[in-house]
Amino acid sequence: MIDTVTWQDKVLALILRSNHGTEGVDFITPADSPLQLGVLKHRAGARIRPHVHKDIPRTINRLEEVLHIDQGKVEAEFYGDDGRKVASAALNAGDTILLISGGHGFHILEDSRIIEVKQGPFFGTAEDKVRLAEGGNP
């Protein structure tokens, strides 16, 4: 199952629930997304042919992040362009979220282990992030 979080016709996040089980290769992002997220589900004995990805210049205009909730439970909070909280969603162990646009924050509800993947390089908090006020007000 895939949940889509939207605000004013803008996709803020895609949540890939742990029970998503499409057989084969299933990318949940459009082909033109700067960060691709997919599920590869194969039966024992299947092979993914060895390959190398070509060095092709790509222009990335926004940073997207993937977080996998390996253990625990968290509440993802979503913020609009104006810095106000517009939605939230509970994420359980096994869920994966692709943060696409807008702002975000997390409330850790249970002891958690979260795996994060995002585009680099990272230039440090002061240069890479704009902090929003607690409670969702700019």
Protein backbone atom coordinates (compact mmCIF):
# COMPACT_ATOMS: atom_id res chain seq x y z
CA MET A 1 0.00 0.00 0.00
CA ILE A 2 1.18 3.53 -0.81
CA ASP A 3 -0.13 6.67 0.90
CA THR A 4 0.29 10.08 -0.72
CA VAL A 5 0.50 13.22 1.44
CA THR A 6 -0.57 16.34 -0.46
CA TRP A 7 -1.11 20.02 0.30
CA GLN A 8 -2.57 22.51 -2.18
CA ASP A 9 -2.21 20.01 -5.05
CA LYS A 10 1.49 19.51 -4.23
CA VAL A 11 2.84 16.08 -3.28
CA LEU A 12 4.75 16.42 -0.01
CA ALA A 13 5.54 12.74 0.54
CA LEU A 14 4.93 9.18 -0.54
CA ILE A 15 4.66 6.57 2.20
CA LEU A 16 5.48 3.02 1.23
CA ARG A 17 3.79 0.85 3.84
CA SER A 18 5.44 -2.36 4.99
CA ASN A 19 2.61 -4.42 3.51
CA HIS A 20 3.26 -3.21 -0.08
CA GLY A 21 3.88 -6.42 -1.96
CA THR A 22 3.79 -6.07 -5.72
CA GLU A 23 5.70 -8.90 -7.43
CA GLY A 24 8.67 -7.91 -9.59
CA VAL A 25 10.06 -4.40 -9.96
CA ASP A 26 7.71 -1.63 -8.86
CA PHE A 27 8.95 1.97 -8.83
CA ILE A 28 6.43 4.20 -7.07
CA THR A 29 8.00 7.44 -8.35
CA PRO A 30 7.64 8.87 -11.86
CA ALA A 31 10.61 8.35 -14.21
CA ASP A 32 11.50 12.06 -14.04
CA SER A 33 11.73 12.20 -10.22
CA PRO A 34 15.17 13.28 -8.97
CA LEU A 35 15.20 10.43 -6.43
CA GLN A 36 13.73 7.11 -7.50
CA LEU A 37 12.00 4.84 -4.97
CA GLY A 38 10.98 1.33 -5.83
CA VAL A 39 10.37 -2.11 -4.43
CA LEU A 40 12.03 -5.16 -5.96
CA LYS A 41 10.24 -8.32 -4.89
CA HIS A 42 11.54 -11.55 -6.38
CA ARG A 43 11.22 -15.22 -5.56
CA ALA A 44 14.17 -17.39 -4.58
CA GLY A 45 16.31 -18.29 -7.58
CA ALA A 46 15.58 -15.13 -9.55
CA ARG A 47 18.56 -13.10 -10.78
CA ILE A 48 19.12 -9.42 -11.29
CA ARG A 49 21.65 -9.22 -14.09
CA PRO A 50 24.98 -7.61 -13.19
CA HIS A 51 25.18 -4.03 -14.45
CA VAL A 52 26.92 -0.68 -14.14
CA HIS A 53 25.16 2.67 -14.26
CA LYS A 54 26.40 5.09 -16.90
CA ASP A 55 27.92 8.41 -15.87
CA ILE A 56 25.26 10.78 -17.20
CA PRO A 57 25.17 14.39 -15.98
CA ARG A 58 21.97 15.09 -14.07
CA THR A 59 20.70 18.40 -12.75
CA ILE A 60 18.97 18.17 -9.36
CA ASN A 61 17.03 21.25 -8.27
CA ARG A 62 15.58 20.00 -4.99
CA LEU A 63 16.70 17.68 -2.24
CA GLU A 64 14.55 14.67 -1.54
CA GLU A 65 15.00 12.24 1.34
CA VAL A 66 14.07 8.63 2.00
CA LEU A 67 13.63 7.41 5.55
CA HIS A 68 13.05 3.76 6.40
CA ILE A 69 11.65 3.04 9.85
CA ASP A 70 13.68 -0.02 10.70
CA GLN A 71 12.46 -0.22 14.31
CA GLY A 72 9.96 1.71 16.41
CA LYS A 73 7.27 4.21 15.58
CA VAL A 74 7.41 7.90 14.61
CA GLU A 75 4.97 10.60 13.63
CA ALA A 76 5.96 12.45 10.47
CA GLU A 77 4.82 16.08 10.43
CA PHE A 78 4.44 17.94 7.14
CA TYR A 79 4.71 21.69 6.61
CA GLY A 80 3.58 23.87 3.73
CA ASP A 81 5.64 26.50 1.96
CA ASP A 82 4.42 29.05 4.52
CA GLY A 83 5.97 27.06 7.39
CA ARG A 84 2.67 25.93 8.88
CA LYS A 85 1.94 22.30 9.79
CA VAL A 86 -0.52 20.90 7.25
CA ALA A 87 -0.57 17.13 7.92
CA SER A 88 0.90 14.26 9.88
CA ALA A 89 1.18 10.50 9.50
CA ALA A 90 2.20 7.64 11.75
CA LEU A 91 5.09 5.55 10.46
CA ASN A 92 5.62 2.05 11.84
CA ALA A 93 8.53 -0.37 11.68
CA GLY A 94 8.92 -1.47 8.07
CA ASP A 95 7.43 1.68 6.55
CA THR A 96 9.47 3.85 4.16
CA ILE A 97 8.78 7.50 3.34
CA LEU A 98 9.98 9.62 0.42
CA LEU A 99 9.96 13.31 1.37
CA ILE A 100 9.44 15.24 -1.86
CA SER A 101 8.57 18.86 -1.05
CA GLY A 102 7.54 21.20 1.73
CA GLY A 103 8.95 20.96 5.23
CA HIS A 104 9.00 18.06 7.63
CA GLY A 105 9.73 17.10 11.20
CA PHE A 106 9.41 13.97 13.29
CA HIS A 107 8.09 13.09 16.72
CA ILE A 108 9.63 9.85 17.99
CA LEU A 109 6.78 7.86 19.56
CA GLU A 110 8.79 4.72 20.43
CA ASP A 111 12.49 3.96 20.59
CA SER A 112 13.34 3.96 16.90
CA ARG A 113 16.03 3.14 14.39
CA ILE A 114 15.66 5.15 11.17
CA ILE A 115 17.73 4.71 8.03
CA GLU A 116 18.02 7.88 5.92
CA VAL A 117 19.11 8.29 2.31
CA LYS A 118 19.36 11.70 0.67
CA GLN A 119 21.24 13.43 -2.10
CA GLY A 120 24.61 14.86 -1.23
CA PRO A 121 26.91 16.44 -0.67
CA PHE A 122 25.82 17.83 2.71
CA PHE A 123 27.05 21.39 3.31
CA GLY A 124 26.12 21.55 7.00
CA THR A 125 22.98 22.51 8.86
CA ALA A 126 23.50 26.26 8.58
CA GLU A 127 23.76 26.17 4.78
CA ASP A 128 21.44 23.26 3.97
CA LYS A 129 18.43 23.85 6.25
CA VAL A 130 15.89 26.49 7.20
CA ARG A 131 14.56 25.73 10.68
CA LEU A 132 10.82 26.08 11.30
CA ALA A 133 9.37 27.07 14.67
CA GLU A 134 7.98 24.29 16.87
CA GLY A 135 4.23 23.96 16.46
CA GLY A 136 4.31 24.83 12.80
CA ASN A 137 4.47 28.59 12.82
CA PRO A 138 7.29 30.33 10.89
